[in-house]
Amino acid sequence: MKIKEKEFELFLEDLKKLVAEMGARVRFERGDFQGGYCILKDDKVIVINKLSTTQRKVMILAAALKELGVDDIYLPPKLREFIEEMDENR
């Protein structure tokens, strides 16, 4: 799937909204890490390095959402295709 940079920005916003709907939080922090999903004191948190590219941020969010379970949630077809493709490339 070929995705333009502007689409990554739209995906990032859509994914952040979806994460919030699923009861998780997204934190953008500085540090020597890539990011990912974790549980911190019973809170679902996705931590992403704020210095990462937009594309990398989207990839981390997509992988974290796959872990949270998006199979039973409605997603726009292009977003679902992207998340499933990310899972195949892991």
N, C-alpha and C. Protein backbone atom coordinates (compact mmCIF):
# COMPACT_ATOMS: atom_id res chain seq x y z
N MET A 1 0.84 -1.17 0.00
CA MET A 1 0.00 0.00 0.00
C MET A 1 0.89 1.24 0.00
N LYS A 2 0.71 2.09 -0.99
CA LYS A 2 1.49 3.33 -1.10
C LYS A 2 0.73 4.45 -0.40
N ILE A 3 1.39 5.08 0.56
CA ILE A 3 0.74 6.11 1.37
C ILE A 3 1.57 7.39 1.29
N LYS A 4 0.89 8.51 1.07
CA LYS A 4 1.55 9.80 1.02
C LYS A 4 1.73 10.35 2.43
N GLU A 5 2.66 11.28 2.58
CA GLU A 5 2.96 11.85 3.90
C GLU A 5 1.73 12.51 4.52
N LYS A 6 0.93 13.19 3.74
CA LYS A 6 -0.28 13.84 4.26
C LYS A 6 -1.25 12.79 4.81
N GLU A 7 -1.33 11.63 4.15
CA GLU A 7 -2.20 10.56 4.63
C GLU A 7 -1.72 10.03 5.99
N PHE A 8 -0.40 9.97 6.19
CA PHE A 8 0.13 9.54 7.48
C PHE A 8 -0.32 10.49 8.58
N GLU A 9 -0.34 11.78 8.30
CA GLU A 9 -0.79 12.74 9.30
C GLU A 9 -2.26 12.53 9.64
N LEU A 10 -3.08 12.24 8.62
CA LEU A 10 -4.50 11.96 8.86
C LEU A 10 -4.66 10.65 9.63
N PHE A 11 -3.89 9.63 9.26
CA PHE A 11 -3.93 8.35 9.98
C PHE A 11 -3.56 8.56 11.44
N LEU A 12 -2.56 9.38 11.70
CA LEU A 12 -2.12 9.63 13.07
C LEU A 12 -3.27 10.20 13.90
N GLU A 13 -3.96 11.18 13.37
CA GLU A 13 -5.09 11.77 14.09
C GLU A 13 -6.21 10.75 14.30
N ASP A 14 -6.53 9.98 13.26
CA ASP A 14 -7.58 8.96 13.37
C ASP A 14 -7.21 7.90 14.40
N LEU A 15 -5.96 7.48 14.39
CA LEU A 15 -5.51 6.45 15.33
C LEU A 15 -5.53 6.96 16.77
N LYS A 16 -5.14 8.22 16.98
CA LYS A 16 -5.17 8.79 18.33
C LYS A 16 -6.61 8.83 18.86
N LYS A 17 -7.56 9.18 18.01
CA LYS A 17 -8.98 9.20 18.41
C LYS A 17 -9.44 7.79 18.75
N LEU A 18 -9.05 6.83 17.94
CA LEU A 18 -9.44 5.44 18.17
C LEU A 18 -8.87 4.92 19.49
N VAL A 19 -7.62 5.25 19.77
CA VAL A 19 -7.00 4.84 21.03
C VAL A 19 -7.79 5.40 22.21
N ALA A 20 -8.19 6.66 22.13
CA ALA A 20 -8.96 7.28 23.22
C ALA A 20 -10.30 6.57 23.38
N GLU A 21 -10.95 6.22 22.28
CA GLU A 21 -12.24 5.52 22.34
C GLU A 21 -12.10 4.15 22.99
N MET A 22 -10.92 3.56 22.87
CA MET A 22 -10.68 2.23 23.44
C MET A 22 -10.22 2.31 24.89
N GLY A 23 -10.18 3.51 25.45
CA GLY A 23 -9.83 3.67 26.85
C GLY A 23 -8.34 3.67 27.14
N ALA A 24 -7.55 3.96 26.14
CA ALA A 24 -6.10 4.02 26.33
C ALA A 24 -5.63 5.46 26.13
N ARG A 25 -4.40 5.72 26.53
CA ARG A 25 -3.80 7.04 26.35
C ARG A 25 -2.58 6.94 25.47
N VAL A 26 -2.32 8.01 24.74
CA VAL A 26 -1.10 8.11 23.95
C VAL A 26 -0.24 9.18 24.58
N ARG A 27 1.01 8.83 24.84
CA ARG A 27 1.97 9.80 25.39
C ARG A 27 3.14 9.92 24.44
N PHE A 28 3.48 11.16 24.10
CA PHE A 28 4.64 11.44 23.27
C PHE A 28 5.73 11.96 24.19
N GLU A 29 6.81 11.21 24.30
CA GLU A 29 7.90 11.53 25.23
C GLU A 29 9.23 11.52 24.49
N ARG A 30 10.21 12.16 25.08
CA ARG A 30 11.58 12.12 24.56
C ARG A 30 12.34 11.01 25.24
N GLY A 31 13.24 10.39 24.52
CA GLY A 31 14.06 9.37 25.14
C GLY A 31 14.72 8.49 24.09
N ASP A 32 15.41 7.49 24.59
CA ASP A 32 16.14 6.56 23.74
C ASP A 32 15.30 5.29 23.59
N PHE A 33 14.17 5.39 22.91
CA PHE A 33 13.27 4.26 22.72
C PHE A 33 12.43 4.50 21.48
N GLN A 34 11.83 3.45 20.96
CA GLN A 34 10.95 3.56 19.80
C GLN A 34 9.52 3.86 20.25
N GLY A 35 9.02 3.02 21.17
CA GLY A 35 7.67 3.19 21.67
C GLY A 35 6.89 1.91 21.59
N GLY A 36 5.69 1.93 22.15
CA GLY A 36 4.84 0.76 22.11
C GLY A 36 3.77 0.81 23.18
N TYR A 37 3.02 -0.28 23.27
CA TYR A 37 1.89 -0.40 24.19
C TYR A 37 2.35 -1.02 25.50
N CYS A 38 1.83 -0.48 26.61
CA CYS A 38 2.12 -1.07 27.91
C CYS A 38 0.96 -0.77 28.87
N ILE A 39 0.97 -1.45 29.99
CA ILE A 39 0.00 -1.20 31.04
C ILE A 39 0.76 -0.64 32.22
N LEU A 40 0.35 0.53 32.67
CA LEU A 40 1.03 1.24 33.74
C LEU A 40 0.03 1.52 34.85
N LYS A 41 0.13 0.78 35.94
CA LYS A 41 -0.80 0.93 37.07
C LYS A 41 -2.25 0.85 36.60
N ASP A 42 -2.59 -0.19 35.91
CA ASP A 42 -3.93 -0.46 35.39
C ASP A 42 -4.38 0.48 34.28
N ASP A 43 -3.53 1.38 33.81
CA ASP A 43 -3.86 2.26 32.70
C ASP A 43 -3.21 1.72 31.42
N LYS A 44 -3.98 1.71 30.34
CA LYS A 44 -3.44 1.32 29.04
C LYS A 44 -2.77 2.55 28.44
N VAL A 45 -1.49 2.42 28.14
CA VAL A 45 -0.71 3.55 27.66
C VAL A 45 0.09 3.13 26.43
N ILE A 46 0.10 4.01 25.45
CA ILE A 46 0.96 3.83 24.28
C ILE A 46 1.95 4.98 24.32
N VAL A 47 3.22 4.64 24.46
CA VAL A 47 4.27 5.65 24.55
C VAL A 47 5.00 5.69 23.22
N ILE A 48 5.16 6.90 22.70
CA ILE A 48 5.81 7.08 21.40
C ILE A 48 6.88 8.16 21.55
N ASN A 49 8.02 7.91 20.94
CA ASN A 49 9.09 8.89 20.96
C ASN A 49 8.65 10.09 20.13
N LYS A 50 8.59 11.26 20.75
CA LYS A 50 8.10 12.45 20.06
C LYS A 50 9.01 12.90 18.93
N LEU A 51 10.25 12.40 18.91
CA LEU A 51 11.19 12.76 17.84
C LEU A 51 11.08 11.83 16.63
N SER A 52 10.24 10.81 16.72
CA SER A 52 10.05 9.88 15.60
C SER A 52 9.34 10.59 14.45
N THR A 53 9.52 10.05 13.26
CA THR A 53 8.82 10.58 12.10
C THR A 53 7.33 10.28 12.22
N THR A 54 6.52 11.00 11.48
CA THR A 54 5.08 10.76 11.49
C THR A 54 4.79 9.33 11.07
N GLN A 55 5.50 8.85 10.07
CA GLN A 55 5.29 7.48 9.60
C GLN A 55 5.58 6.48 10.73
N ARG A 56 6.64 6.66 11.46
CA ARG A 56 6.99 5.76 12.56
C ARG A 56 5.96 5.83 13.67
N LYS A 57 5.47 7.02 13.98
CA LYS A 57 4.44 7.17 15.01
C LYS A 57 3.18 6.39 14.62
N VAL A 58 2.79 6.50 13.35
CA VAL A 58 1.62 5.78 12.85
C VAL A 58 1.84 4.27 12.95
N MET A 59 3.02 3.82 12.60
CA MET A 59 3.33 2.39 12.66
C MET A 59 3.25 1.87 14.10
N ILE A 60 3.76 2.62 15.05
CA ILE A 60 3.72 2.22 16.45
C ILE A 60 2.28 2.18 16.95
N LEU A 61 1.49 3.20 16.61
CA LEU A 61 0.09 3.22 17.02
C LEU A 61 -0.69 2.06 16.40
N ALA A 62 -0.44 1.78 15.13
CA ALA A 62 -1.15 0.68 14.46
C ALA A 62 -0.82 -0.65 15.13
N ALA A 63 0.45 -0.87 15.45
CA ALA A 63 0.85 -2.12 16.11
C ALA A 63 0.22 -2.21 17.51
N ALA A 64 0.19 -1.09 18.22
CA ALA A 64 -0.40 -1.09 19.57
C ALA A 64 -1.91 -1.35 19.50
N LEU A 65 -2.58 -0.79 18.52
CA LEU A 65 -4.01 -1.02 18.38
C LEU A 65 -4.30 -2.48 18.05
N LYS A 66 -3.43 -3.08 17.28
CA LYS A 66 -3.59 -4.50 16.97
C LYS A 66 -3.51 -5.30 18.27
N GLU A 67 -2.60 -4.92 19.17
CA GLU A 67 -2.49 -5.59 20.48
C GLU A 67 -3.73 -5.36 21.33
N LEU A 68 -4.29 -4.15 21.25
CA LEU A 68 -5.50 -3.83 22.02
C LEU A 68 -6.72 -4.58 21.48
N GLY A 69 -6.69 -4.92 20.20
CA GLY A 69 -7.78 -5.67 19.59
C GLY A 69 -8.78 -4.79 18.87
N VAL A 70 -8.62 -4.64 17.58
CA VAL A 70 -9.52 -3.81 16.78
C VAL A 70 -10.40 -4.64 15.85
N ASP A 71 -10.39 -5.95 16.03
CA ASP A 71 -11.13 -6.82 15.12
C ASP A 71 -12.63 -6.57 15.16
N ASP A 72 -13.18 -6.23 16.32
CA ASP A 72 -14.63 -6.05 16.47
C ASP A 72 -15.06 -4.60 16.43
N ILE A 73 -14.17 -3.71 16.04
CA ILE A 73 -14.46 -2.28 16.01
C ILE A 73 -14.51 -1.81 14.55
N TYR A 74 -15.47 -0.93 14.25
CA TYR A 74 -15.53 -0.40 12.89
C TYR A 74 -14.35 0.54 12.65
N LEU A 75 -13.67 0.31 11.54
CA LEU A 75 -12.60 1.19 11.09
C LEU A 75 -12.84 1.50 9.63
N PRO A 76 -12.51 2.70 9.19
CA PRO A 76 -12.58 2.97 7.76
C PRO A 76 -11.72 1.94 7.02
N PRO A 77 -12.19 1.47 5.86
CA PRO A 77 -11.47 0.40 5.15
C PRO A 77 -9.98 0.66 4.93
N LYS A 78 -9.60 1.88 4.57
CA LYS A 78 -8.19 2.16 4.31
C LYS A 78 -7.36 2.04 5.60
N LEU A 79 -7.94 2.47 6.72
CA LEU A 79 -7.25 2.38 8.00
C LEU A 79 -7.11 0.93 8.44
N ARG A 80 -8.17 0.15 8.28
CA ARG A 80 -8.12 -1.28 8.62
C ARG A 80 -7.08 -1.99 7.76
N GLU A 81 -7.06 -1.69 6.47
CA GLU A 81 -6.08 -2.31 5.57
C GLU A 81 -4.66 -1.98 6.02
N PHE A 82 -4.44 -0.72 6.43
CA PHE A 82 -3.11 -0.32 6.89
C PHE A 82 -2.72 -1.08 8.14
N ILE A 83 -3.62 -1.18 9.12
CA ILE A 83 -3.32 -1.89 10.36
C ILE A 83 -3.02 -3.36 10.09
N GLU A 84 -3.81 -3.98 9.23
CA GLU A 84 -3.59 -5.41 8.91
C GLU A 84 -2.28 -5.60 8.17
N GLU A 85 -1.94 -4.65 7.29
CA GLU A 85 -0.68 -4.74 6.56
C GLU A 85 0.50 -4.59 7.51
N MET A 86 0.36 -3.71 8.50
CA MET A 86 1.42 -3.53 9.49
C MET A 86 1.64 -4.83 10.26
N ASP A 87 0.56 -5.52 10.57
CA ASP A 87 0.64 -6.79 11.30
C ASP A 87 1.36 -7.84 10.47
N GLU A 88 1.11 -7.86 9.17
CA GLU A 88 1.75 -8.84 8.28
C GLU A 88 3.24 -8.58 8.15
N ASN A 89 3.64 -7.31 8.22
CA ASN A 89 5.05 -6.95 8.04
C ASN A 89 5.89 -7.09 9.30
N ARG A 90 5.26 -7.40 10.41
CA ARG A 90 5.99 -7.53 11.69
C ARG A 90 6.85 -8.73 11.70
